[in-house]
Amino acid sequence: MRPFAQAANGGGTGTGDAGQIEYRVAHLRDRLAAEELAELGVRAEVRAGSVVVTGTVPSAECRETLLRTVHEELAGLAVHTDVVVAETASPDHAEDLP
């Protein structure tokens, strides 16, 4: 995983911040499911005071849109992303079977 954004307060969160982080992550999930992405194959969860976003998207353009949305929704939080692009191109050669 690679860091996407670092928290302005050094990554630490107090007990009062936990609910706020969960709320922001829930709002991100809603946006990912409802907006132009309609991306349900991506997970966002809170782990040890930071947010981890994982999953697979169909194109590099979708990945960039997803990362931009994550950055907008979770600005100021420590976020780690592991979002990969699915290989959807047809094979360039026949498969050799034994």
PDB file of N, CA and C in Angstrom:
ATOM      1  N   MET A   1       0.830  -1.174   0.000  1.00  0.00           N
ATOM      2  CA  MET A   1       0.000   0.000   0.000  1.00  0.00           C
ATOM      3  C   MET A   1       0.872   1.234   0.000  1.00  0.00           C
ATOM      4  N   ARG A   2       0.356   2.279  -0.603  1.00  0.00           N
ATOM      5  CA  ARG A   2       1.104   3.519  -0.611  1.00  0.00           C
ATOM      6  C   ARG A   2       0.271   4.608   0.031  1.00  0.00           C
ATOM      7  N   PRO A   3       0.909   5.531   0.739  1.00  0.00           N
ATOM      8  CA  PRO A   3       0.144   6.609   1.348  1.00  0.00           C
ATOM      9  C   PRO A   3      -0.432   7.520   0.287  1.00  0.00           C
ATOM     10  N   PHE A   4      -1.681   7.913   0.434  1.00  0.00           N
ATOM     11  CA  PHE A   4      -2.332   8.810  -0.508  1.00  0.00           C
ATOM     12  C   PHE A   4      -2.362  10.220   0.049  1.00  0.00           C
ATOM     13  N   ALA A   5      -2.661  10.356   1.329  1.00  0.00           N
ATOM     14  CA  ALA A   5      -2.674  11.666   1.976  1.00  0.00           C
ATOM     15  C   ALA A   5      -2.300  11.473   3.432  1.00  0.00           C
ATOM     16  N   GLN A   6      -1.623  12.407   3.981  1.00  0.00           N
ATOM     17  CA  GLN A   6      -1.238  12.322   5.376  1.00  0.00           C
ATOM     18  C   GLN A   6      -2.113  13.244   6.205  1.00  0.00           C
ATOM     19  N   ALA A   7      -2.399  12.834   7.406  1.00  0.00           N
ATOM     20  CA  ALA A   7      -3.224  13.649   8.285  1.00  0.00           C
ATOM     21  C   ALA A   7      -2.475  14.916   8.672  1.00  0.00           C
ATOM     22  N   ALA A   8      -3.223  15.995   8.798  1.00  0.00           N
ATOM     23  CA  ALA A   8      -2.623  17.270   9.157  1.00  0.00           C
ATOM     24  C   ALA A   8      -2.104  17.260  10.591  1.00  0.00           C
ATOM     25  N   ASN A   9      -2.684  16.404  11.439  1.00  0.00           N
ATOM     26  CA  ASN A   9      -2.271  16.361  12.838  1.00  0.00           C
ATOM     27  C   ASN A   9      -1.263  15.255  13.108  1.00  0.00           C
ATOM     28  N   GLY A  10      -0.619  14.745  12.077  1.00  0.00           N
ATOM     29  CA  GLY A  10       0.406  13.720  12.256  1.00  0.00           C
ATOM     30  C   GLY A  10      -0.142  12.309  12.267  1.00  0.00           C
ATOM     31  N   GLY A  11      -1.435  12.138  11.975  1.00  0.00           N
ATOM     32  CA  GLY A  11      -1.995  10.799  11.873  1.00  0.00           C
ATOM     33  C   GLY A  11      -2.694  10.346  13.124  1.00  0.00           C
ATOM     34  N   GLY A  12      -2.528  11.018  14.237  1.00  0.00           N
ATOM     35  CA  GLY A  12      -3.175  10.598  15.468  1.00  0.00           C
ATOM     36  C   GLY A  12      -4.620  11.047  15.490  1.00  0.00           C
ATOM     37  N   THR A  13      -5.477  10.225  16.087  1.00  0.00           N
ATOM     38  CA  THR A  13      -6.862  10.617  16.227  1.00  0.00           C
ATOM     39  C   THR A  13      -7.269  10.409  17.658  1.00  0.00           C
ATOM     40  N   GLY A  14      -8.012  11.341  18.187  1.00  0.00           N
ATOM     41  CA  GLY A  14      -8.521  11.204  19.543  1.00  0.00           C
ATOM     42  C   GLY A  14      -9.805  10.416  19.539  1.00  0.00           C
ATOM     43  N   THR A  15     -10.335  10.088  20.698  1.00  0.00           N
ATOM     44  CA  THR A  15     -11.557   9.305  20.783  1.00  0.00           C
ATOM     45  C   THR A  15     -12.721  10.028  20.143  1.00  0.00           C
ATOM     46  N   GLY A  16     -12.779  11.342  20.249  1.00  0.00           N
ATOM     47  CA  GLY A  16     -13.864  12.094  19.649  1.00  0.00           C
ATOM     48  C   GLY A  16     -13.813  12.083  18.133  1.00  0.00           C
ATOM     49  N   ASP A  17     -12.651  11.843  17.549  1.00  0.00           N
ATOM     50  CA  ASP A  17     -12.496  11.848  16.099  1.00  0.00           C
ATOM     51  C   ASP A  17     -12.961  10.551  15.454  1.00  0.00           C
ATOM     52  N   ALA A  18     -13.031   9.468  16.191  1.00  0.00           N
ATOM     53  CA  ALA A  18     -13.363   8.165  15.619  1.00  0.00           C
ATOM     54  C   ALA A  18     -14.724   8.183  14.937  1.00  0.00           C
ATOM     55  N   GLY A  19     -15.718   8.772  15.574  1.00  0.00           N
ATOM     56  CA  GLY A  19     -17.050   8.854  14.969  1.00  0.00           C
ATOM     57  C   GLY A  19     -17.050   9.696  13.720  1.00  0.00           C
ATOM     58  N   GLN A  20     -16.296  10.776  13.721  1.00  0.00           N
ATOM     59  CA  GLN A  20     -16.193  11.654  12.556  1.00  0.00           C
ATOM     60  C   GLN A  20     -15.538  10.917  11.383  1.00  0.00           C
ATOM     61  N   ILE A  21     -14.502  10.154  11.663  1.00  0.00           N
ATOM     62  CA  ILE A  21     -13.837   9.392  10.599  1.00  0.00           C
ATOM     63  C   ILE A  21     -14.794   8.368  10.016  1.00  0.00           C
ATOM     64  N   GLU A  22     -15.515   7.632  10.874  1.00  0.00           N
ATOM     65  CA  GLU A  22     -16.489   6.639  10.398  1.00  0.00           C
ATOM     66  C   GLU A  22     -17.566   7.296   9.543  1.00  0.00           C
ATOM     67  N   TYR A  23     -18.026   8.469   9.966  1.00  0.00           N
ATOM     68  CA  TYR A  23     -19.042   9.200   9.207  1.00  0.00           C
ATOM     69  C   TYR A  23     -18.507   9.564   7.821  1.00  0.00           C
ATOM     70  N   ARG A  24     -17.277  10.076   7.753  1.00  0.00           N
ATOM     71  CA  ARG A  24     -16.696  10.472   6.471  1.00  0.00           C
ATOM     72  C   ARG A  24     -16.480   9.265   5.563  1.00  0.00           C
ATOM     73  N   VAL A  25     -16.073   8.124   6.147  1.00  0.00           N
ATOM     74  CA  VAL A  25     -15.885   6.907   5.353  1.00  0.00           C
ATOM     75  C   VAL A  25     -17.236   6.413   4.833  1.00  0.00           C
ATOM     76  N   ALA A  26     -18.283   6.475   5.662  1.00  0.00           N
ATOM     77  CA  ALA A  26     -19.620   6.064   5.224  1.00  0.00           C
ATOM     78  C   ALA A  26     -20.099   6.959   4.084  1.00  0.00           C
ATOM     79  N   HIS A  27     -19.822   8.265   4.170  1.00  0.00           N
ATOM     80  CA  HIS A  27     -20.204   9.178   3.100  1.00  0.00           C
ATOM     81  C   HIS A  27     -19.431   8.852   1.819  1.00  0.00           C
ATOM     82  N   LEU A  28     -18.167   8.510   1.948  1.00  0.00           N
ATOM     83  CA  LEU A  28     -17.376   8.097   0.787  1.00  0.00           C
ATOM     84  C   LEU A  28     -17.994   6.860   0.143  1.00  0.00           C
ATOM     85  N   ARG A  29     -18.348   5.866   0.949  1.00  0.00           N
ATOM     86  CA  ARG A  29     -18.973   4.643   0.411  1.00  0.00           C
ATOM     87  C   ARG A  29     -20.248   4.978  -0.365  1.00  0.00           C
ATOM     88  N   ASP A  30     -21.055   5.880   0.190  1.00  0.00           N
ATOM     89  CA  ASP A  30     -22.283   6.285  -0.494  1.00  0.00           C
ATOM     90  C   ASP A  30     -21.973   6.920  -1.843  1.00  0.00           C
ATOM     91  N   ARG A  31     -20.981   7.805  -1.880  1.00  0.00           N
ATOM     92  CA  ARG A  31     -20.609   8.446  -3.141  1.00  0.00           C
ATOM     93  C   ARG A  31     -20.114   7.438  -4.160  1.00  0.00           C
ATOM     94  N   LEU A  32     -19.292   6.491  -3.708  1.00  0.00           N
ATOM     95  CA  LEU A  32     -18.749   5.496  -4.631  1.00  0.00           C
ATOM     96  C   LEU A  32     -19.852   4.631  -5.219  1.00  0.00           C
ATOM     97  N   ALA A  33     -20.880   4.336  -4.437  1.00  0.00           N
ATOM     98  CA  ALA A  33     -21.971   3.483  -4.908  1.00  0.00           C
ATOM     99  C   ALA A  33     -22.967   4.244  -5.774  1.00  0.00           C
ATOM    100  N   ALA A  34     -23.156   5.535  -5.525  1.00  0.00           N
ATOM    101  CA  ALA A  34     -24.237   6.265  -6.163  1.00  0.00           C
ATOM    102  C   ALA A  34     -23.828   7.147  -7.330  1.00  0.00           C
ATOM    103  N   GLU A  35     -22.633   7.661  -7.327  1.00  0.00           N
ATOM    104  CA  GLU A  35     -22.253   8.631  -8.349  1.00  0.00           C
ATOM    105  C   GLU A  35     -21.800   7.940  -9.634  1.00  0.00           C
ATOM    106  N   GLU A  36     -21.139   8.697 -10.478  1.00  0.00           N
ATOM    107  CA  GLU A  36     -20.729   8.216 -11.797  1.00  0.00           C
ATOM    108  C   GLU A  36     -19.927   6.924 -11.757  1.00  0.00           C
ATOM    109  N   LEU A  37     -19.199   6.685 -10.695  1.00  0.00           N
ATOM    110  CA  LEU A  37     -18.403   5.459 -10.601  1.00  0.00           C
ATOM    111  C   LEU A  37     -19.273   4.227 -10.428  1.00  0.00           C
ATOM    112  N   ALA A  38     -20.287   4.311  -9.567  1.00  0.00           N
ATOM    113  CA  ALA A  38     -21.113   3.163  -9.198  1.00  0.00           C
ATOM    114  C   ALA A  38     -20.199   1.971  -8.895  1.00  0.00           C
ATOM    115  N   GLU A  39     -19.140   2.244  -8.148  1.00  0.00           N
ATOM    116  CA  GLU A  39     -18.095   1.257  -7.885  1.00  0.00           C
ATOM    117  C   GLU A  39     -18.349   0.545  -6.567  1.00  0.00           C
ATOM    118  N   LEU A  40     -18.874  -0.687  -6.662  1.00  0.00           N
ATOM    119  CA  LEU A  40     -19.155  -1.471  -5.472  1.00  0.00           C
ATOM    120  C   LEU A  40     -18.034  -2.453  -5.162  1.00  0.00           C
ATOM    121  N   GLY A  41     -17.043  -2.560  -6.036  1.00  0.00           N
ATOM    122  CA  GLY A  41     -15.936  -3.482  -5.830  1.00  0.00           C
ATOM    123  C   GLY A  41     -14.786  -2.872  -5.047  1.00  0.00           C
ATOM    124  N   VAL A  42     -15.025  -1.721  -4.444  1.00  0.00           N
ATOM    125  CA  VAL A  42     -13.990  -1.033  -3.682  1.00  0.00           C
ATOM    126  C   VAL A  42     -14.435  -0.961  -2.228  1.00  0.00           C
ATOM    127  N   ARG A  43     -13.506  -1.249  -1.324  1.00  0.00           N
ATOM    128  CA  ARG A  43     -13.799  -1.202   0.117  1.00  0.00           C
ATOM    129  C   ARG A  43     -13.022  -0.067   0.756  1.00  0.00           C
ATOM    130  N   ALA A  44     -13.654   0.583   1.706  1.00  0.00           N
ATOM    131  CA  ALA A  44     -13.000   1.613   2.503  1.00  0.00           C
ATOM    132  C   ALA A  44     -13.275   1.286   3.961  1.00  0.00           C
ATOM    133  N   GLU A  45     -12.221   1.129   4.743  1.00  0.00           N
ATOM    134  CA  GLU A  45     -12.387   0.802   6.154  1.00  0.00           C
ATOM    135  C   GLU A  45     -11.368   1.541   7.006  1.00  0.00           C
ATOM    136  N   VAL A  46     -11.736   1.751   8.245  1.00  0.00           N
ATOM    137  CA  VAL A  46     -10.857   2.422   9.190  1.00  0.00           C
ATOM    138  C   VAL A  46     -10.036   1.360   9.909  1.00  0.00           C
ATOM    139  N   ARG A  47      -8.731   1.543   9.896  1.00  0.00           N
ATOM    140  CA  ARG A  47      -7.814   0.627  10.587  1.00  0.00           C
ATOM    141  C   ARG A  47      -6.763   1.450  11.308  1.00  0.00           C
ATOM    142  N   ALA A  48      -6.715   1.289  12.605  1.00  0.00           N
ATOM    143  CA  ALA A  48      -5.696   1.940  13.450  1.00  0.00           C
ATOM    144  C   ALA A  48      -5.598   3.440  13.198  1.00  0.00           C
ATOM    145  N   GLY A  49      -6.742   4.097  13.083  1.00  0.00           N
ATOM    146  CA  GLY A  49      -6.741   5.539  12.945  1.00  0.00           C
ATOM    147  C   GLY A  49      -6.507   6.066  11.542  1.00  0.00           C
ATOM    148  N   SER A  50      -6.345   5.187  10.563  1.00  0.00           N
ATOM    149  CA  SER A  50      -6.225   5.641   9.181  1.00  0.00           C
ATOM    150  C   SER A  50      -7.264   4.902   8.342  1.00  0.00           C
ATOM    151  N   VAL A  51      -7.436   5.341   7.122  1.00  0.00           N
ATOM    152  CA  VAL A  51      -8.424   4.741   6.233  1.00  0.00           C
ATOM    153  C   VAL A  51      -7.685   3.955   5.160  1.00  0.00           C
ATOM    154  N   VAL A  52      -8.157   2.732   4.924  1.00  0.00           N
ATOM    155  CA  VAL A  52      -7.578   1.872   3.901  1.00  0.00           C
ATOM    156  C   VAL A  52      -8.625   1.673   2.804  1.00  0.00           C
ATOM    157  N   VAL A  53      -8.249   1.989   1.570  1.00  0.00           N
ATOM    158  CA  VAL A  53      -9.138   1.831   0.420  1.00  0.00           C
ATOM    159  C   VAL A  53      -8.534   0.768  -0.485  1.00  0.00           C
ATOM    160  N   THR A  54      -9.279  -0.318  -0.719  1.00  0.00           N
ATOM    161  CA  THR A  54      -8.789  -1.427  -1.535  1.00  0.00           C
ATOM    162  C   THR A  54      -9.829  -1.826  -2.563  1.00  0.00           C
ATOM    163  N   GLY A  55      -9.384  -2.482  -3.618  1.00  0.00           N
ATOM    164  CA  GLY A  55     -10.317  -3.021  -4.596  1.00  0.00           C
ATOM    165  C   GLY A  55      -9.753  -3.020  -5.998  1.00  0.00           C
ATOM    166  N   THR A  56     -10.650  -3.361  -6.933  1.00  0.00           N
ATOM    167  CA  THR A  56     -10.299  -3.448  -8.345  1.00  0.00           C
ATOM    168  C   THR A  56     -11.301  -2.629  -9.147  1.00  0.00           C
ATOM    169  N   VAL A  57     -10.799  -1.864 -10.096  1.00  0.00           N
ATOM    170  CA  VAL A  57     -11.642  -1.048 -10.971  1.00  0.00           C
ATOM    171  C   VAL A  57     -11.389  -1.453 -12.417  1.00  0.00           C
ATOM    172  N   PRO A  58     -12.331  -1.150 -13.322  1.00  0.00           N
ATOM    173  CA  PRO A  58     -12.199  -1.616 -14.701  1.00  0.00           C
ATOM    174  C   PRO A  58     -11.224  -0.851 -15.589  1.00  0.00           C
ATOM    175  N   SER A  59     -10.840   0.382 -15.212  1.00  0.00           N
ATOM    176  CA  SER A  59      -9.953   1.150 -16.087  1.00  0.00           C
ATOM    177  C   SER A  59      -9.104   2.120 -15.278  1.00  0.00           C
ATOM    178  N   ALA A  60      -8.053   2.606 -15.920  1.00  0.00           N
ATOM    179  CA  ALA A  60      -7.179   3.592 -15.285  1.00  0.00           C
ATOM    180  C   ALA A  60      -7.941   4.891 -15.034  1.00  0.00           C
ATOM    181  N   GLU A  61      -8.855   5.239 -15.927  1.00  0.00           N
ATOM    182  CA  GLU A  61      -9.669   6.446 -15.745  1.00  0.00           C
ATOM    183  C   GLU A  61     -10.548   6.312 -14.494  1.00  0.00           C
ATOM    184  N   CYS A  62     -11.147   5.135 -14.299  1.00  0.00           N
ATOM    185  CA  CYS A  62     -11.951   4.890 -13.092  1.00  0.00           C
ATOM    186  C   CYS A  62     -11.087   4.990 -11.841  1.00  0.00           C
ATOM    187  N   ARG A  63      -9.864   4.480 -11.924  1.00  0.00           N
ATOM    188  CA  ARG A  63      -8.966   4.542 -10.777  1.00  0.00           C
ATOM    189  C   ARG A  63      -8.650   5.990 -10.418  1.00  0.00           C
ATOM    190  N   GLU A  64      -8.373   6.818 -11.422  1.00  0.00           N
ATOM    191  CA  GLU A  64      -8.071   8.227 -11.168  1.00  0.00           C
ATOM    192  C   GLU A  64      -9.284   8.952 -10.581  1.00  0.00           C
ATOM    193  N   THR A  65     -10.474   8.666 -11.106  1.00  0.00           N
ATOM    194  CA  THR A  65     -11.695   9.267 -10.574  1.00  0.00           C
ATOM    195  C   THR A  65     -11.915   8.823  -9.139  1.00  0.00           C
ATOM    196  N   LEU A  66     -11.688   7.552  -8.869  1.00  0.00           N
ATOM    197  CA  LEU A  66     -11.834   7.021  -7.514  1.00  0.00           C
ATOM    198  C   LEU A  66     -10.866   7.711  -6.558  1.00  0.00           C
ATOM    199  N   LEU A  67      -9.602   7.810  -6.936  1.00  0.00           N
ATOM    200  CA  LEU A  67      -8.608   8.446  -6.072  1.00  0.00           C
ATOM    201  C   LEU A  67      -8.927   9.914  -5.829  1.00  0.00           C
ATOM    202  N   ARG A  68      -9.440  10.592  -6.850  1.00  0.00           N
ATOM    203  CA  ARG A  68      -9.825  11.991  -6.690  1.00  0.00           C
ATOM    204  C   ARG A  68     -10.994  12.110  -5.702  1.00  0.00           C
ATOM    205  N   THR A  69     -11.966  11.224  -5.805  1.00  0.00           N
ATOM    206  CA  THR A  69     -13.111  11.223  -4.893  1.00  0.00           C
ATOM    207  C   THR A  69     -12.669  10.935  -3.470  1.00  0.00           C
ATOM    208  N   VAL A  70     -11.776   9.959  -3.301  1.00  0.00           N
ATOM    209  CA  VAL A  70     -11.249   9.631  -1.973  1.00  0.00           C
ATOM    210  C   VAL A  70     -10.539  10.839  -1.388  1.00  0.00           C
ATOM    211  N   HIS A  71      -9.742  11.503  -2.190  1.00  0.00           N
ATOM    212  CA  HIS A  71      -9.002  12.686  -1.722  1.00  0.00           C
ATOM    213  C   HIS A  71      -9.964  13.796  -1.297  1.00  0.00           C
ATOM    214  N   GLU A  72     -11.027  14.008  -2.065  1.00  0.00           N
ATOM    215  CA  GLU A  72     -12.009  15.043  -1.725  1.00  0.00           C
ATOM    216  C   GLU A  72     -12.709  14.734  -0.410  1.00  0.00           C
ATOM    217  N   GLU A  73     -13.157  13.497  -0.253  1.00  0.00           N
ATOM    218  CA  GLU A  73     -13.943  13.114   0.919  1.00  0.00           C
ATOM    219  C   GLU A  73     -13.109  12.982   2.184  1.00  0.00           C
ATOM    220  N   LEU A  74     -11.869  12.547   2.039  1.00  0.00           N
ATOM    221  CA  LEU A  74     -11.065  12.220   3.216  1.00  0.00           C
ATOM    222  C   LEU A  74      -9.856  13.130   3.387  1.00  0.00           C
ATOM    223  N   ALA A  75      -9.925  14.327   2.837  1.00  0.00           N
ATOM    224  CA  ALA A  75      -8.822  15.281   2.959  1.00  0.00           C
ATOM    225  C   ALA A  75      -8.486  15.501   4.429  1.00  0.00           C
ATOM    226  N   GLY A  76      -7.199  15.456   4.735  1.00  0.00           N
ATOM    227  CA  GLY A  76      -6.737  15.678   6.094  1.00  0.00           C
ATOM    228  C   GLY A  76      -6.596  14.410   6.917  1.00  0.00           C
ATOM    229  N   LEU A  77      -7.048  13.283   6.386  1.00  0.00           N
ATOM    230  CA  LEU A  77      -6.912  12.000   7.093  1.00  0.00           C
ATOM    231  C   LEU A  77      -5.768  11.198   6.484  1.00  0.00           C
ATOM    232  N   ALA A  78      -5.225  10.284   7.256  1.00  0.00           N
ATOM    233  CA  ALA A  78      -4.220   9.366   6.723  1.00  0.00           C
ATOM    234  C   ALA A  78      -4.962   8.311   5.913  1.00  0.00           C
ATOM    235  N   VAL A  79      -4.646   8.221   4.620  1.00  0.00           N
ATOM    236  CA  VAL A  79      -5.333   7.298   3.717  1.00  0.00           C
ATOM    237  C   VAL A  79      -4.283   6.464   2.986  1.00  0.00           C
ATOM    238  N   HIS A  80      -4.517   5.156   2.930  1.00  0.00           N
ATOM    239  CA  HIS A  80      -3.666   4.237   2.174  1.00  0.00           C
ATOM    240  C   HIS A  80      -4.529   3.586   1.112  1.00  0.00           C
ATOM    241  N   THR A  81      -4.029   3.546  -0.130  1.00  0.00           N
ATOM    242  CA  THR A  81      -4.811   2.962  -1.213  1.00  0.00           C
ATOM    243  C   THR A  81      -4.086   1.775  -1.827  1.00  0.00           C
ATOM    244  N   ASP A  82      -4.882   0.795  -2.172  1.00  0.00           N
ATOM    245  CA  ASP A  82      -4.401  -0.375  -2.904  1.00  0.00           C
ATOM    246  C   ASP A  82      -5.492  -0.725  -3.906  1.00  0.00           C
ATOM    247  N   VAL A  83      -5.606   0.115  -4.932  1.00  0.00           N
ATOM    248  CA  VAL A  83      -6.644  -0.038  -5.942  1.00  0.00           C
ATOM    249  C   VAL A  83      -5.962  -0.386  -7.251  1.00  0.00           C
ATOM    250  N   VAL A  84      -6.335  -1.522  -7.827  1.00  0.00           N
ATOM    251  CA  VAL A  84      -5.707  -1.986  -9.056  1.00  0.00           C
ATOM    252  C   VAL A  84      -6.699  -1.945 -10.206  1.00  0.00           C
ATOM    253  N   VAL A  85      -6.171  -1.892 -11.417  1.00  0.00           N
ATOM    254  CA  VAL A  85      -6.980  -1.889 -12.628  1.00  0.00           C
ATOM    255  C   VAL A  85      -7.054  -3.314 -13.151  1.00  0.00           C
ATOM    256  N   ALA A  86      -8.276  -3.793 -13.408  1.00  0.00           N
ATOM    257  CA  ALA A  86      -8.476  -5.144 -13.937  1.00  0.00           C
ATOM    258  C   ALA A  86      -7.983  -5.205 -15.377  1.00  0.00           C
ATOM    259  N   GLU A  87      -7.362  -6.292 -15.714  1.00  0.00           N
ATOM    260  CA  GLU A  87      -6.899  -6.498 -17.089  1.00  0.00           C
ATOM    261  C   GLU A  87      -8.071  -7.032 -17.901  1.00  0.00           C
ATOM    262  N   THR A  88      -8.592  -6.208 -18.826  1.00  0.00           N
ATOM    263  CA  THR A  88      -9.763  -6.617 -19.597  1.00  0.00           C
ATOM    264  C   THR A  88      -9.475  -6.818 -21.086  1.00  0.00           C
ATOM    265  N   ALA A  89      -8.212  -6.677 -21.463  1.00  0.00           N
ATOM    266  CA  ALA A  89      -7.847  -6.866 -22.868  1.00  0.00           C
ATOM    267  C   ALA A  89      -7.904  -8.341 -23.236  1.00  0.00           C
ATOM    268  N   SER A  90      -8.262  -8.620 -24.475  1.00  0.00           N
ATOM    269  CA  SER A  90      -8.284 -10.014 -24.912  1.00  0.00           C
ATOM    270  C   SER A  90      -6.865 -10.522 -25.057  1.00  0.00           C
ATOM    271  N   PRO A  91      -6.663 -11.826 -24.894  1.00  0.00           N
ATOM    272  CA  PRO A  91      -5.302 -12.383 -24.988  1.00  0.00           C
ATOM    273  C   PRO A  91      -4.731 -12.141 -26.383  1.00  0.00           C
ATOM    274  N   ASP A  92      -3.416 -11.993 -26.443  1.00  0.00           N
ATOM    275  CA  ASP A  92      -2.764 -11.744 -27.731  1.00  0.00           C
ATOM    276  C   ASP A  92      -2.259 -13.027 -28.381  1.00  0.00           C
ATOM    277  N   HIS A  93      -2.464 -14.176 -27.701  1.00  0.00           N
ATOM    278  CA  HIS A  93      -2.062 -15.452 -28.275  1.00  0.00           C
ATOM    279  C   HIS A  93      -2.940 -16.577 -27.692  1.00  0.00           C
ATOM    280  N   ALA A  94      -2.949 -17.700 -28.385  1.00  0.00           N
ATOM    281  CA  ALA A  94      -3.745 -18.843 -27.936  1.00  0.00           C
ATOM    282  C   ALA A  94      -3.076 -19.508 -26.739  1.00  0.00           C
ATOM    283  N   GLU A  95      -3.883 -20.068 -25.865  1.00  0.00           N
ATOM    284  CA  GLU A  95      -3.348 -20.772 -24.707  1.00  0.00           C
ATOM    285  C   GLU A  95      -2.943 -22.188 -25.124  1.00  0.00           C
ATOM    286  N   ASP A  96      -1.737 -22.592 -24.752  1.00  0.00           N
ATOM    287  CA  ASP A  96      -1.249 -23.938 -25.056  1.00  0.00           C
ATOM    288  C   ASP A  96      -1.575 -24.862 -23.893  1.00  0.00           C
ATOM    289  N   LEU A  97      -2.389 -25.860 -24.176  1.00  0.00           N
ATOM    290  CA  LEU A  97      -2.750 -26.821 -23.136  1.00  0.00           C
ATOM    291  C   LEU A  97      -1.984 -28.124 -23.346  1.00  0.00           C
ATOM    292  N   PRO A  98      -1.552 -28.765 -22.273  1.00  0.00           N
ATOM    293  CA  PRO A  98      -0.771 -30.015 -22.428  1.00  0.00           C
ATOM    294  C   PRO A  98      -1.636 -31.171 -22.896  1.00  0.00           C
TER     295      PRO A  98
END
